[in-house]
Amino acid sequence: IDYASAAPYAFIMVAMSLPLTWLLYVQSKRMAGR
């Protein structure tokens, strides 16, 4: 595996997944708060 070319893709994947997981976490907390 060429890490130099794979690193940006991995960073993009993490950057995209973090807001999604945070959004799901907030939604679940909001639903549980009701």
PDB file of N, CA and C in Angstrom:
ATOM      1  N   ILE A   1       0.845  -1.194   0.000  1.00  0.00           N
ATOM      2  CA  ILE A   1       0.000   0.000   0.000  1.00  0.00           C
ATOM      3  C   ILE A   1       0.883   1.247   0.000  1.00  0.00           C
ATOM      4  N   ASP A   2       0.535   2.197  -0.859  1.00  0.00           N
ATOM      5  CA  ASP A   2       1.281   3.459  -0.904  1.00  0.00           C
ATOM      6  C   ASP A   2       0.666   4.427   0.112  1.00  0.00           C
ATOM      7  N   TYR A   3       1.321   4.563   1.246  1.00  0.00           N
ATOM      8  CA  TYR A   3       0.753   5.372   2.327  1.00  0.00           C
ATOM      9  C   TYR A   3       0.662   6.850   1.948  1.00  0.00           C
ATOM     10  N   ALA A   4       1.586   7.315   1.122  1.00  0.00           N
ATOM     11  CA  ALA A   4       1.589   8.721   0.738  1.00  0.00           C
ATOM     12  C   ALA A   4       0.312   9.078  -0.020  1.00  0.00           C
ATOM     13  N   SER A   5      -0.177   8.150  -0.849  1.00  0.00           N
ATOM     14  CA  SER A   5      -1.394   8.430  -1.615  1.00  0.00           C
ATOM     15  C   SER A   5      -2.643   8.019  -0.850  1.00  0.00           C
ATOM     16  N   ALA A   6      -2.511   7.093   0.106  1.00  0.00           N
ATOM     17  CA  ALA A   6      -3.675   6.611   0.853  1.00  0.00           C
ATOM     18  C   ALA A   6      -4.013   7.522   2.034  1.00  0.00           C
ATOM     19  N   ALA A   7      -3.030   8.241   2.552  1.00  0.00           N
ATOM     20  CA  ALA A   7      -3.254   9.082   3.725  1.00  0.00           C
ATOM     21  C   ALA A   7      -4.342  10.138   3.506  1.00  0.00           C
ATOM     22  N   PRO A   8      -4.331  10.887   2.403  1.00  0.00           N
ATOM     23  CA  PRO A   8      -5.392  11.895   2.211  1.00  0.00           C
ATOM     24  C   PRO A   8      -6.780  11.273   2.190  1.00  0.00           C
ATOM     25  N   TYR A   9      -6.920  10.104   1.562  1.00  0.00           N
ATOM     26  CA  TYR A   9      -8.231   9.456   1.502  1.00  0.00           C
ATOM     27  C   TYR A   9      -8.681   9.045   2.901  1.00  0.00           C
ATOM     28  N   ALA A  10      -7.758   8.526   3.695  1.00  0.00           N
ATOM     29  CA  ALA A  10      -8.099   8.123   5.061  1.00  0.00           C
ATOM     30  C   ALA A  10      -8.518   9.346   5.877  1.00  0.00           C
ATOM     31  N   PHE A  11      -7.815  10.451   5.701  1.00  0.00           N
ATOM     32  CA  PHE A  11      -8.150  11.675   6.429  1.00  0.00           C
ATOM     33  C   PHE A  11      -9.533  12.182   6.037  1.00  0.00           C
ATOM     34  N   ILE A  12      -9.844  12.108   4.728  1.00  0.00           N
ATOM     35  CA  ILE A  12     -11.158  12.547   4.246  1.00  0.00           C
ATOM     36  C   ILE A  12     -12.257  11.658   4.824  1.00  0.00           C
ATOM     37  N   MET A  13     -12.004  10.357   4.871  1.00  0.00           N
ATOM     38  CA  MET A  13     -13.000   9.431   5.401  1.00  0.00           C
ATOM     39  C   MET A  13     -13.276   9.730   6.869  1.00  0.00           C
ATOM     40  N   VAL A  14     -12.218   9.981   7.641  1.00  0.00           N
ATOM     41  CA  VAL A  14     -12.386  10.293   9.063  1.00  0.00           C
ATOM     42  C   VAL A  14     -13.112  11.629   9.224  1.00  0.00           C
ATOM     43  N   ALA A  15     -12.729  12.615   8.425  1.00  0.00           N
ATOM     44  CA  ALA A  15     -13.346  13.938   8.525  1.00  0.00           C
ATOM     45  C   ALA A  15     -14.830  13.880   8.182  1.00  0.00           C
ATOM     46  N   MET A  16     -15.198  12.980   7.267  1.00  0.00           N
ATOM     47  CA  MET A  16     -16.602  12.855   6.883  1.00  0.00           C
ATOM     48  C   MET A  16     -17.386  12.038   7.899  1.00  0.00           C
ATOM     49  N   SER A  17     -16.747  11.063   8.522  1.00  0.00           N
ATOM     50  CA  SER A  17     -17.464  10.173   9.442  1.00  0.00           C
ATOM     51  C   SER A  17     -17.679  10.828  10.805  1.00  0.00           C
ATOM     52  N   LEU A  18     -16.763  11.716  11.214  1.00  0.00           N
ATOM     53  CA  LEU A  18     -16.902  12.342  12.532  1.00  0.00           C
ATOM     54  C   LEU A  18     -18.193  13.154  12.660  1.00  0.00           C
ATOM     55  N   PRO A  19     -18.524  14.053  11.729  1.00  0.00           N
ATOM     56  CA  PRO A  19     -19.791  14.795  11.852  1.00  0.00           C
ATOM     57  C   PRO A  19     -21.002  13.872  11.835  1.00  0.00           C
ATOM     58  N   LEU A  20     -20.933  12.780  11.059  1.00  0.00           N
ATOM     59  CA  LEU A  20     -22.061  11.854  10.993  1.00  0.00           C
ATOM     60  C   LEU A  20     -22.272  11.172  12.331  1.00  0.00           C
ATOM     61  N   THR A  21     -21.199  10.700  12.948  1.00  0.00           N
ATOM     62  CA  THR A  21     -21.329  10.022  14.237  1.00  0.00           C
ATOM     63  C   THR A  21     -21.794  11.011  15.306  1.00  0.00           C
ATOM     64  N   TRP A  22     -21.301  12.252  15.251  1.00  0.00           N
ATOM     65  CA  TRP A  22     -21.730  13.269  16.211  1.00  0.00           C
ATOM     66  C   TRP A  22     -23.211  13.580  16.032  1.00  0.00           C
ATOM     67  N   LEU A  23     -23.666  13.641  14.767  1.00  0.00           N
ATOM     68  CA  LEU A  23     -25.067  13.933  14.504  1.00  0.00           C
ATOM     69  C   LEU A  23     -25.949  12.814  15.035  1.00  0.00           C
ATOM     70  N   LEU A  24     -25.538  11.564  14.809  1.00  0.00           N
ATOM     71  CA  LEU A  24     -26.306  10.431  15.324  1.00  0.00           C
ATOM     72  C   LEU A  24     -26.320  10.449  16.848  1.00  0.00           C
ATOM     73  N   TYR A  25     -25.201  10.806  17.457  1.00  0.00           N
ATOM     74  CA  TYR A  25     -25.113  10.862  18.919  1.00  0.00           C
ATOM     75  C   TYR A  25     -26.061  11.924  19.483  1.00  0.00           C
ATOM     76  N   VAL A  26     -26.088  13.083  18.842  1.00  0.00           N
ATOM     77  CA  VAL A  26     -26.968  14.162  19.301  1.00  0.00           C
ATOM     78  C   VAL A  26     -28.428  13.763  19.120  1.00  0.00           C
ATOM     79  N   GLN A  27     -28.739  13.122  17.993  1.00  0.00           N
ATOM     80  CA  GLN A  27     -30.113  12.693  17.744  1.00  0.00           C
ATOM     81  C   GLN A  27     -30.551  11.677  18.789  1.00  0.00           C
ATOM     82  N   SER A  28     -29.690  10.721  19.112  1.00  0.00           N
ATOM     83  CA  SER A  28     -30.041   9.686  20.091  1.00  0.00           C
ATOM     84  C   SER A  28     -30.224  10.315  21.475  1.00  0.00           C
ATOM     85  N   LYS A  29     -29.369  11.294  21.815  1.00  0.00           N
ATOM     86  CA  LYS A  29     -29.513  11.962  23.108  1.00  0.00           C
ATOM     87  C   LYS A  29     -30.810  12.755  23.144  1.00  0.00           C
ATOM     88  N   ARG A  30     -31.168  13.383  22.019  1.00  0.00           N
ATOM     89  CA  ARG A  30     -32.387  14.182  21.960  1.00  0.00           C
ATOM     90  C   ARG A  30     -33.617  13.284  22.096  1.00  0.00           C
ATOM     91  N   MET A  31     -33.569  12.112  21.455  1.00  0.00           N
ATOM     92  CA  MET A  31     -34.689  11.185  21.527  1.00  0.00           C
ATOM     93  C   MET A  31     -34.813  10.615  22.935  1.00  0.00           C
ATOM     94  N   ALA A  32     -33.694  10.324  23.577  1.00  0.00           N
ATOM     95  CA  ALA A  32     -33.716   9.760  24.927  1.00  0.00           C
ATOM     96  C   ALA A  32     -34.155  10.818  25.940  1.00  0.00           C
ATOM     97  N   GLY A  33     -33.926  12.088  25.631  1.00  0.00           N
ATOM     98  CA  GLY A  33     -34.280  13.157  26.556  1.00  0.00           C
ATOM     99  C   GLY A  33     -35.782  13.378  26.644  1.00  0.00           C
ATOM    100  N   ARG A  34     -36.511  12.975  25.598  1.00  0.00           N
ATOM    101  CA  ARG A  34     -37.958  13.173  25.610  1.00  0.00           C
ATOM    102  C   ARG A  34     -38.601  12.330  26.697  1.00  0.00           C
TER     103      ARG A  34
END
